[in-house]
N, C-alpha and C. Protein backbone atom coordinates (compact mmCIF):
# COMPACT_ATOMS: atom_id res chain seq x y z
N MET A 1 1.90 -86.84 -12.88
CA MET A 1 1.14 -86.25 -11.81
C MET A 1 -0.15 -87.06 -11.60
N SER A 2 -0.48 -87.34 -10.33
CA SER A 2 -1.67 -88.14 -10.03
C SER A 2 -2.95 -87.35 -10.34
N HIS A 3 -4.06 -88.09 -10.45
CA HIS A 3 -5.35 -87.43 -10.70
C HIS A 3 -5.68 -86.47 -9.57
N GLN A 4 -5.39 -86.89 -8.33
CA GLN A 4 -5.69 -86.03 -7.18
C GLN A 4 -4.90 -84.73 -7.26
N ASN A 5 -3.62 -84.81 -7.61
CA ASN A 5 -2.80 -83.61 -7.72
C ASN A 5 -3.29 -82.72 -8.86
N LYS A 6 -3.69 -83.33 -9.98
CA LYS A 6 -4.23 -82.56 -11.11
C LYS A 6 -5.49 -81.82 -10.68
N HIS A 7 -6.38 -82.53 -9.98
CA HIS A 7 -7.62 -81.90 -9.52
C HIS A 7 -7.30 -80.72 -8.60
N LEU A 8 -6.35 -80.91 -7.69
CA LEU A 8 -5.99 -79.83 -6.77
C LEU A 8 -5.36 -78.65 -7.51
N GLU A 9 -4.58 -78.94 -8.52
CA GLU A 9 -3.97 -77.88 -9.32
C GLU A 9 -5.06 -77.01 -9.97
N PHE A 10 -6.05 -77.64 -10.56
CA PHE A 10 -7.14 -76.88 -11.19
C PHE A 10 -8.02 -76.20 -10.14
N LEU A 11 -8.27 -76.87 -9.02
CA LEU A 11 -9.06 -76.25 -7.95
C LEU A 11 -8.36 -75.02 -7.40
N ASN A 12 -7.04 -75.06 -7.30
CA ASN A 12 -6.30 -73.89 -6.83
C ASN A 12 -6.49 -72.71 -7.78
N GLN A 13 -6.62 -72.99 -9.06
CA GLN A 13 -6.89 -71.92 -10.02
C GLN A 13 -8.29 -71.34 -9.80
N THR A 14 -9.25 -72.17 -9.40
CA THR A 14 -10.59 -71.64 -9.12
C THR A 14 -10.56 -70.75 -7.88
N LEU A 15 -9.69 -71.09 -6.95
CA LEU A 15 -9.54 -70.28 -5.74
C LEU A 15 -8.98 -68.90 -6.11
N ALA A 16 -8.03 -68.87 -7.03
CA ALA A 16 -7.49 -67.59 -7.50
C ALA A 16 -8.57 -66.77 -8.20
N LEU A 17 -9.41 -67.43 -8.99
CA LEU A 17 -10.52 -66.73 -9.66
C LEU A 17 -11.51 -66.19 -8.63
N ALA A 18 -11.79 -66.96 -7.60
CA ALA A 18 -12.71 -66.52 -6.54
C ALA A 18 -12.14 -65.32 -5.80
N THR A 19 -10.84 -65.32 -5.57
CA THR A 19 -10.18 -64.19 -4.91
C THR A 19 -10.26 -62.94 -5.78
N THR A 20 -10.09 -63.11 -7.08
CA THR A 20 -10.22 -62.00 -8.02
C THR A 20 -11.65 -61.46 -8.00
N ALA A 21 -12.62 -62.35 -7.93
CA ALA A 21 -14.02 -61.92 -7.86
C ALA A 21 -14.25 -61.00 -6.66
N VAL A 22 -13.69 -61.37 -5.52
CA VAL A 22 -13.83 -60.56 -4.31
C VAL A 22 -13.17 -59.19 -4.52
N LYS A 23 -12.00 -59.18 -5.10
CA LYS A 23 -11.30 -57.90 -5.36
C LYS A 23 -12.12 -56.99 -6.27
N ARG A 24 -12.96 -57.58 -7.09
CA ARG A 24 -13.81 -56.80 -8.01
C ARG A 24 -15.17 -56.48 -7.39
N GLY A 25 -15.32 -56.80 -6.11
CA GLY A 25 -16.56 -56.47 -5.41
C GLY A 25 -17.64 -57.52 -5.49
N ASN A 26 -17.30 -58.70 -5.94
CA ASN A 26 -18.26 -59.80 -6.08
C ASN A 26 -18.09 -60.84 -4.98
N HIS A 27 -18.88 -61.87 -5.05
CA HIS A 27 -18.81 -62.96 -4.07
C HIS A 27 -17.70 -63.94 -4.43
N PRO A 28 -17.17 -64.67 -3.44
CA PRO A 28 -15.98 -65.51 -3.64
C PRO A 28 -16.23 -66.87 -4.32
N PHE A 29 -16.47 -66.81 -5.62
CA PHE A 29 -16.69 -68.04 -6.38
C PHE A 29 -15.94 -67.95 -7.71
N GLY A 30 -15.27 -69.04 -8.08
CA GLY A 30 -14.57 -69.11 -9.36
C GLY A 30 -14.74 -70.50 -9.96
N ALA A 31 -14.68 -70.57 -11.28
CA ALA A 31 -14.85 -71.86 -11.96
C ALA A 31 -14.03 -71.89 -13.24
N LEU A 32 -13.66 -73.10 -13.64
CA LEU A 32 -12.98 -73.26 -14.93
C LEU A 32 -13.36 -74.58 -15.56
N LEU A 33 -13.16 -74.64 -16.87
CA LEU A 33 -13.51 -75.82 -17.65
C LEU A 33 -12.24 -76.38 -18.26
N VAL A 34 -12.05 -77.69 -18.12
CA VAL A 34 -10.84 -78.35 -18.60
C VAL A 34 -11.21 -79.44 -19.60
N LYS A 35 -10.52 -79.43 -20.73
CA LYS A 35 -10.70 -80.46 -21.75
C LYS A 35 -9.34 -81.04 -22.08
N ASN A 36 -9.20 -82.34 -21.96
CA ASN A 36 -7.94 -83.03 -22.24
C ASN A 36 -6.77 -82.42 -21.46
N GLY A 37 -7.00 -82.07 -20.21
CA GLY A 37 -5.95 -81.55 -19.35
C GLY A 37 -5.60 -80.10 -19.55
N LYS A 38 -6.35 -79.38 -20.40
CA LYS A 38 -6.06 -77.97 -20.67
C LYS A 38 -7.28 -77.11 -20.33
N VAL A 39 -7.02 -75.97 -19.71
CA VAL A 39 -8.09 -75.04 -19.39
C VAL A 39 -8.61 -74.41 -20.68
N VAL A 40 -9.91 -74.52 -20.91
CA VAL A 40 -10.52 -73.96 -22.13
C VAL A 40 -11.38 -72.73 -21.83
N ALA A 41 -11.76 -72.53 -20.57
CA ALA A 41 -12.54 -71.35 -20.19
C ALA A 41 -12.45 -71.15 -18.68
N THR A 42 -12.51 -69.89 -18.28
CA THR A 42 -12.52 -69.55 -16.85
C THR A 42 -13.60 -68.50 -16.61
N SER A 43 -14.06 -68.44 -15.37
CA SER A 43 -15.03 -67.42 -15.01
C SER A 43 -15.04 -67.23 -13.50
N GLU A 44 -15.55 -66.10 -13.12
CA GLU A 44 -15.70 -65.80 -11.70
C GLU A 44 -17.10 -65.25 -11.47
N ASN A 45 -17.51 -65.20 -10.24
CA ASN A 45 -18.81 -64.64 -9.89
C ASN A 45 -18.84 -63.16 -10.27
N GLU A 46 -19.95 -62.73 -10.88
CA GLU A 46 -20.12 -61.33 -11.28
C GLU A 46 -21.47 -60.77 -10.84
N VAL A 47 -22.08 -61.38 -9.85
CA VAL A 47 -23.42 -61.01 -9.41
C VAL A 47 -23.53 -59.52 -9.08
N VAL A 48 -22.59 -59.00 -8.33
CA VAL A 48 -22.66 -57.60 -7.90
C VAL A 48 -22.25 -56.66 -9.03
N SER A 49 -21.14 -56.95 -9.68
CA SER A 49 -20.58 -56.01 -10.67
C SER A 49 -21.46 -55.81 -11.90
N ILE A 50 -22.26 -56.81 -12.27
CA ILE A 50 -23.15 -56.62 -13.43
C ILE A 50 -24.63 -56.62 -13.01
N SER A 51 -24.87 -56.59 -11.71
CA SER A 51 -26.23 -56.55 -11.16
C SER A 51 -27.12 -57.63 -11.77
N ASP A 52 -26.66 -58.87 -11.66
CA ASP A 52 -27.39 -60.01 -12.21
C ASP A 52 -27.27 -61.18 -11.24
N ILE A 53 -28.38 -61.51 -10.59
CA ILE A 53 -28.33 -62.58 -9.59
C ILE A 53 -28.00 -63.94 -10.17
N THR A 54 -28.09 -64.09 -11.48
CA THR A 54 -27.75 -65.37 -12.11
C THR A 54 -26.30 -65.43 -12.58
N ALA A 55 -25.52 -64.41 -12.32
CA ALA A 55 -24.14 -64.34 -12.84
C ALA A 55 -23.17 -65.12 -11.95
N HIS A 56 -23.53 -66.35 -11.63
CA HIS A 56 -22.65 -67.23 -10.87
C HIS A 56 -21.50 -67.68 -11.75
N ALA A 57 -20.39 -68.03 -11.14
CA ALA A 57 -19.18 -68.41 -11.89
C ALA A 57 -19.45 -69.56 -12.86
N GLU A 58 -20.16 -70.59 -12.41
CA GLU A 58 -20.40 -71.76 -13.27
C GLU A 58 -21.30 -71.41 -14.45
N LEU A 59 -22.33 -70.63 -14.20
CA LEU A 59 -23.25 -70.25 -15.28
C LEU A 59 -22.54 -69.38 -16.32
N ARG A 60 -21.76 -68.43 -15.86
CA ARG A 60 -20.99 -67.57 -16.77
C ARG A 60 -19.99 -68.41 -17.56
N LEU A 61 -19.40 -69.38 -16.90
CA LEU A 61 -18.43 -70.28 -17.55
C LEU A 61 -19.09 -71.05 -18.69
N ILE A 62 -20.25 -71.60 -18.43
CA ILE A 62 -20.96 -72.36 -19.46
C ILE A 62 -21.34 -71.45 -20.63
N GLN A 63 -21.78 -70.25 -20.33
CA GLN A 63 -22.12 -69.30 -21.39
C GLN A 63 -20.92 -69.02 -22.29
N LYS A 64 -19.76 -68.83 -21.68
CA LYS A 64 -18.53 -68.60 -22.46
C LYS A 64 -18.16 -69.83 -23.28
N ALA A 65 -18.20 -70.98 -22.63
CA ALA A 65 -17.77 -72.23 -23.28
C ALA A 65 -18.66 -72.58 -24.47
N GLN A 66 -19.95 -72.33 -24.36
CA GLN A 66 -20.87 -72.68 -25.44
C GLN A 66 -20.59 -71.88 -26.71
N LYS A 67 -19.92 -70.76 -26.57
CA LYS A 67 -19.60 -69.95 -27.74
C LYS A 67 -18.44 -70.53 -28.54
N LYS A 68 -17.66 -71.42 -27.90
CA LYS A 68 -16.51 -71.97 -28.62
C LYS A 68 -16.44 -73.49 -28.67
N LEU A 69 -17.30 -74.17 -27.94
CA LEU A 69 -17.29 -75.63 -27.93
C LEU A 69 -18.65 -76.19 -28.33
N THR A 70 -18.62 -77.33 -29.01
CA THR A 70 -19.87 -78.02 -29.35
C THR A 70 -20.37 -78.79 -28.12
N MET A 71 -21.58 -79.29 -28.19
CA MET A 71 -22.12 -80.10 -27.09
C MET A 71 -21.27 -81.36 -26.89
N ASP A 72 -20.80 -81.96 -27.97
CA ASP A 72 -19.94 -83.13 -27.85
C ASP A 72 -18.64 -82.78 -27.14
N GLU A 73 -18.09 -81.62 -27.44
CA GLU A 73 -16.85 -81.20 -26.78
C GLU A 73 -17.10 -80.88 -25.31
N LEU A 74 -18.22 -80.26 -25.00
CA LEU A 74 -18.56 -79.97 -23.60
C LEU A 74 -18.66 -81.26 -22.79
N ALA A 75 -19.17 -82.30 -23.41
CA ALA A 75 -19.31 -83.60 -22.73
C ALA A 75 -17.96 -84.21 -22.36
N GLU A 76 -16.91 -83.77 -23.01
CA GLU A 76 -15.55 -84.26 -22.73
C GLU A 76 -14.84 -83.42 -21.66
N CYS A 77 -15.49 -82.39 -21.18
CA CYS A 77 -14.87 -81.46 -20.24
C CYS A 77 -15.14 -81.82 -18.78
N VAL A 78 -14.27 -81.31 -17.92
CA VAL A 78 -14.46 -81.38 -16.48
C VAL A 78 -14.64 -79.95 -15.99
N LEU A 79 -15.68 -79.73 -15.19
CA LEU A 79 -15.90 -78.41 -14.61
C LEU A 79 -15.35 -78.40 -13.20
N TYR A 80 -14.48 -77.45 -12.92
CA TYR A 80 -13.91 -77.26 -11.59
C TYR A 80 -14.51 -76.00 -11.00
N SER A 81 -14.91 -76.07 -9.74
CA SER A 81 -15.49 -74.91 -9.08
C SER A 81 -14.93 -74.78 -7.67
N SER A 82 -14.70 -73.55 -7.26
CA SER A 82 -14.18 -73.32 -5.91
C SER A 82 -15.18 -73.79 -4.86
N THR A 83 -16.45 -73.82 -5.22
CA THR A 83 -17.52 -74.20 -4.30
C THR A 83 -18.51 -75.10 -5.04
N GLU A 84 -19.10 -76.02 -4.34
CA GLU A 84 -20.10 -76.91 -4.95
C GLU A 84 -21.17 -76.10 -5.67
N PRO A 85 -21.47 -76.43 -6.90
CA PRO A 85 -22.46 -75.67 -7.66
C PRO A 85 -23.84 -75.69 -6.99
N CYS A 86 -24.51 -74.53 -7.04
CA CYS A 86 -25.86 -74.41 -6.49
C CYS A 86 -26.85 -75.15 -7.40
N ALA A 87 -28.11 -75.14 -7.02
CA ALA A 87 -29.15 -75.83 -7.80
C ALA A 87 -29.25 -75.27 -9.22
N MET A 88 -29.21 -73.95 -9.36
CA MET A 88 -29.29 -73.33 -10.69
C MET A 88 -28.11 -73.75 -11.56
N CYS A 89 -26.92 -73.66 -11.01
CA CYS A 89 -25.71 -73.99 -11.77
C CYS A 89 -25.62 -75.49 -12.05
N SER A 90 -26.04 -76.30 -11.09
CA SER A 90 -26.05 -77.76 -11.31
C SER A 90 -26.95 -78.11 -12.48
N GLY A 91 -28.09 -77.46 -12.56
CA GLY A 91 -28.99 -77.69 -13.68
C GLY A 91 -28.36 -77.28 -15.00
N ALA A 92 -27.71 -76.12 -15.01
CA ALA A 92 -27.05 -75.64 -16.24
C ALA A 92 -25.93 -76.58 -16.66
N ILE A 93 -25.18 -77.08 -15.69
CA ILE A 93 -24.10 -78.03 -15.98
C ILE A 93 -24.68 -79.28 -16.64
N TYR A 94 -25.75 -79.78 -16.07
CA TYR A 94 -26.40 -80.96 -16.63
C TYR A 94 -26.88 -80.70 -18.06
N TRP A 95 -27.59 -79.60 -18.27
CA TRP A 95 -28.14 -79.31 -19.60
C TRP A 95 -27.05 -79.00 -20.61
N ALA A 96 -25.88 -78.57 -20.15
CA ALA A 96 -24.76 -78.34 -21.07
C ALA A 96 -24.08 -79.65 -21.47
N GLY A 97 -24.42 -80.74 -20.78
CA GLY A 97 -23.85 -82.04 -21.12
C GLY A 97 -22.53 -82.35 -20.45
N ILE A 98 -22.14 -81.53 -19.49
CA ILE A 98 -20.89 -81.76 -18.75
C ILE A 98 -21.15 -82.88 -17.75
N THR A 99 -20.28 -83.88 -17.73
CA THR A 99 -20.55 -85.07 -16.92
C THR A 99 -19.58 -85.28 -15.75
N LYS A 100 -18.74 -84.28 -15.48
CA LYS A 100 -17.85 -84.40 -14.33
C LYS A 100 -17.65 -83.03 -13.70
N VAL A 101 -17.85 -82.97 -12.38
CA VAL A 101 -17.71 -81.74 -11.61
C VAL A 101 -16.80 -82.01 -10.42
N VAL A 102 -15.85 -81.11 -10.19
CA VAL A 102 -14.94 -81.21 -9.05
C VAL A 102 -15.03 -79.89 -8.29
N TYR A 103 -15.24 -79.95 -6.98
CA TYR A 103 -15.37 -78.69 -6.23
C TYR A 103 -14.56 -78.70 -4.94
N GLY A 104 -14.35 -77.47 -4.41
CA GLY A 104 -13.63 -77.27 -3.16
C GLY A 104 -14.59 -77.26 -1.97
N CYS A 105 -15.10 -76.09 -1.62
CA CYS A 105 -16.02 -75.95 -0.48
C CYS A 105 -17.37 -76.58 -0.82
N SER A 106 -17.93 -77.34 0.12
CA SER A 106 -19.22 -78.00 -0.12
C SER A 106 -20.38 -77.06 0.19
N THR A 107 -21.55 -77.40 -0.34
CA THR A 107 -22.77 -76.65 -0.03
C THR A 107 -23.03 -76.66 1.47
N LYS A 108 -22.82 -77.80 2.09
CA LYS A 108 -23.02 -77.92 3.54
C LYS A 108 -22.11 -76.96 4.29
N GLN A 109 -20.83 -76.93 3.92
CA GLN A 109 -19.89 -76.03 4.59
C GLN A 109 -20.26 -74.57 4.37
N LEU A 110 -20.64 -74.23 3.15
CA LEU A 110 -21.04 -72.85 2.85
C LEU A 110 -22.29 -72.48 3.65
N PHE A 111 -23.26 -73.37 3.72
CA PHE A 111 -24.49 -73.12 4.45
C PHE A 111 -24.19 -72.89 5.93
N GLU A 112 -23.24 -73.63 6.49
CA GLU A 112 -22.87 -73.46 7.90
C GLU A 112 -22.23 -72.10 8.15
N ILE A 113 -21.58 -71.54 7.14
CA ILE A 113 -20.94 -70.23 7.27
C ILE A 113 -21.96 -69.11 7.04
N VAL A 114 -22.71 -69.20 5.96
CA VAL A 114 -23.62 -68.13 5.54
C VAL A 114 -24.93 -68.15 6.33
N LYS A 115 -25.36 -69.33 6.73
CA LYS A 115 -26.59 -69.54 7.51
C LYS A 115 -27.87 -69.21 6.75
N SER A 116 -27.79 -69.14 5.43
CA SER A 116 -29.00 -68.92 4.63
C SER A 116 -28.76 -69.44 3.22
N GLY A 117 -29.83 -69.51 2.45
CA GLY A 117 -29.70 -69.97 1.08
C GLY A 117 -30.56 -71.18 0.80
N LEU A 118 -30.33 -71.78 -0.34
CA LEU A 118 -31.06 -72.96 -0.79
C LEU A 118 -30.13 -74.16 -0.62
N TYR A 119 -30.40 -74.98 0.38
CA TYR A 119 -29.48 -76.07 0.72
C TYR A 119 -29.86 -77.34 -0.03
N ILE A 120 -29.32 -77.48 -1.24
CA ILE A 120 -29.48 -78.70 -2.03
C ILE A 120 -28.11 -79.04 -2.60
N GLN A 121 -27.64 -80.23 -2.34
CA GLN A 121 -26.33 -80.63 -2.84
C GLN A 121 -26.41 -81.06 -4.30
N ALA A 122 -25.33 -80.85 -5.02
CA ALA A 122 -25.26 -81.20 -6.45
C ALA A 122 -25.56 -82.68 -6.66
N LYS A 123 -25.01 -83.54 -5.81
CA LYS A 123 -25.25 -84.98 -5.96
C LYS A 123 -26.74 -85.32 -5.87
N GLU A 124 -27.45 -84.59 -5.03
CA GLU A 124 -28.89 -84.82 -4.89
C GLU A 124 -29.61 -84.47 -6.19
N ILE A 125 -29.24 -83.37 -6.79
CA ILE A 125 -29.84 -82.96 -8.06
C ILE A 125 -29.52 -83.98 -9.15
N TYR A 126 -28.24 -84.35 -9.24
CA TYR A 126 -27.83 -85.28 -10.30
C TYR A 126 -28.38 -86.69 -10.09
N SER A 127 -28.76 -87.02 -8.87
CA SER A 127 -29.34 -88.35 -8.62
C SER A 127 -30.69 -88.51 -9.32
N LYS A 128 -31.30 -87.41 -9.71
CA LYS A 128 -32.59 -87.43 -10.41
C LYS A 128 -32.42 -87.38 -11.92
N ALA A 129 -31.19 -87.30 -12.40
CA ALA A 129 -30.91 -87.12 -13.83
C ALA A 129 -30.88 -88.45 -14.58
N THR A 130 -31.13 -88.38 -15.88
CA THR A 130 -31.09 -89.58 -16.71
C THR A 130 -29.69 -89.86 -17.24
N THR A 131 -28.81 -88.88 -17.15
CA THR A 131 -27.40 -89.04 -17.53
C THR A 131 -26.55 -88.85 -16.28
N ASP A 132 -25.59 -89.72 -16.06
CA ASP A 132 -24.74 -89.62 -14.88
C ASP A 132 -23.84 -88.40 -14.94
N VAL A 133 -23.72 -87.73 -13.79
CA VAL A 133 -22.76 -86.65 -13.61
C VAL A 133 -21.91 -87.05 -12.41
N GLU A 134 -20.62 -87.23 -12.65
CA GLU A 134 -19.70 -87.60 -11.57
C GLU A 134 -19.33 -86.35 -10.79
N VAL A 135 -19.42 -86.43 -9.46
CA VAL A 135 -19.11 -85.29 -8.61
C VAL A 135 -18.00 -85.69 -7.66
N LEU A 136 -16.90 -84.93 -7.69
CA LEU A 136 -15.77 -85.17 -6.79
C LEU A 136 -15.68 -84.04 -5.77
N ASP A 137 -15.67 -84.40 -4.51
CA ASP A 137 -15.71 -83.47 -3.39
C ASP A 137 -14.31 -83.33 -2.78
N TYR A 138 -13.77 -82.13 -2.83
CA TYR A 138 -12.47 -81.85 -2.21
C TYR A 138 -12.65 -80.90 -1.04
N SER A 139 -13.78 -80.99 -0.34
CA SER A 139 -14.08 -80.07 0.75
C SER A 139 -13.20 -80.27 1.98
N HIS A 140 -12.39 -81.31 1.98
CA HIS A 140 -11.44 -81.50 3.07
C HIS A 140 -10.28 -80.50 2.97
N GLU A 141 -10.16 -79.81 1.84
CA GLU A 141 -9.12 -78.79 1.66
C GLU A 141 -9.60 -77.49 2.30
N GLU A 142 -9.02 -77.13 3.44
CA GLU A 142 -9.50 -76.00 4.24
C GLU A 142 -9.41 -74.65 3.54
N LYS A 143 -8.51 -74.49 2.59
CA LYS A 143 -8.34 -73.18 1.95
C LYS A 143 -9.62 -72.70 1.27
N PHE A 144 -10.45 -73.61 0.80
CA PHE A 144 -11.70 -73.22 0.14
C PHE A 144 -12.71 -72.71 1.16
N ILE A 145 -12.74 -73.34 2.32
CA ILE A 145 -13.62 -72.92 3.40
C ILE A 145 -13.14 -71.59 3.97
N ASN A 146 -11.83 -71.45 4.12
CA ASN A 146 -11.26 -70.23 4.69
C ASN A 146 -11.63 -68.99 3.90
N LEU A 147 -11.65 -69.09 2.59
CA LEU A 147 -12.02 -67.95 1.75
C LEU A 147 -13.45 -67.49 2.08
N HIS A 148 -14.36 -68.43 2.21
CA HIS A 148 -15.74 -68.07 2.54
C HIS A 148 -15.86 -67.53 3.96
N GLU A 149 -15.15 -68.13 4.89
CA GLU A 149 -15.20 -67.64 6.27
C GLU A 149 -14.73 -66.19 6.35
N SER A 150 -13.66 -65.87 5.65
CA SER A 150 -13.14 -64.50 5.70
C SER A 150 -14.07 -63.52 4.97
N PHE A 151 -14.80 -63.98 3.98
CA PHE A 151 -15.69 -63.10 3.22
C PHE A 151 -17.03 -62.88 3.93
N TRP A 152 -17.66 -63.95 4.36
CA TRP A 152 -19.03 -63.87 4.86
C TRP A 152 -19.14 -63.51 6.34
N ARG A 153 -18.05 -63.65 7.10
CA ARG A 153 -18.15 -63.37 8.55
C ARG A 153 -17.62 -62.02 8.91
């Protein structure tokens, strides 16, 4: 299986997590962590259900992963997210030592739908970092945008 197909396979799983988040009364965001081609942790947005504005999928994912992986192991992982990580989550990803992020819907696309928020792209944040974080954008996949359009509009 090609790298692109592998990335899409994992991104589709984040879409399922985001859909589950919505069913639980939360916002449509899901994330997972992959090490050596295997999912080691998953999470979804829980902002509404636990009344915590910081309970974004990526942040919750890192919290879970840190309980079972060392910093060296986290550095070997790829973080997949249904949507480009926000500024808070991008910072957490960096501080966790994760050096590769793959996302579906972009910050720009989300901003165009929601019309509010903090518009800073992950690449912009990582451009200021002393350690490289590779960011792969799969925002050309409409299914990620469609989920947000159906939720926010």
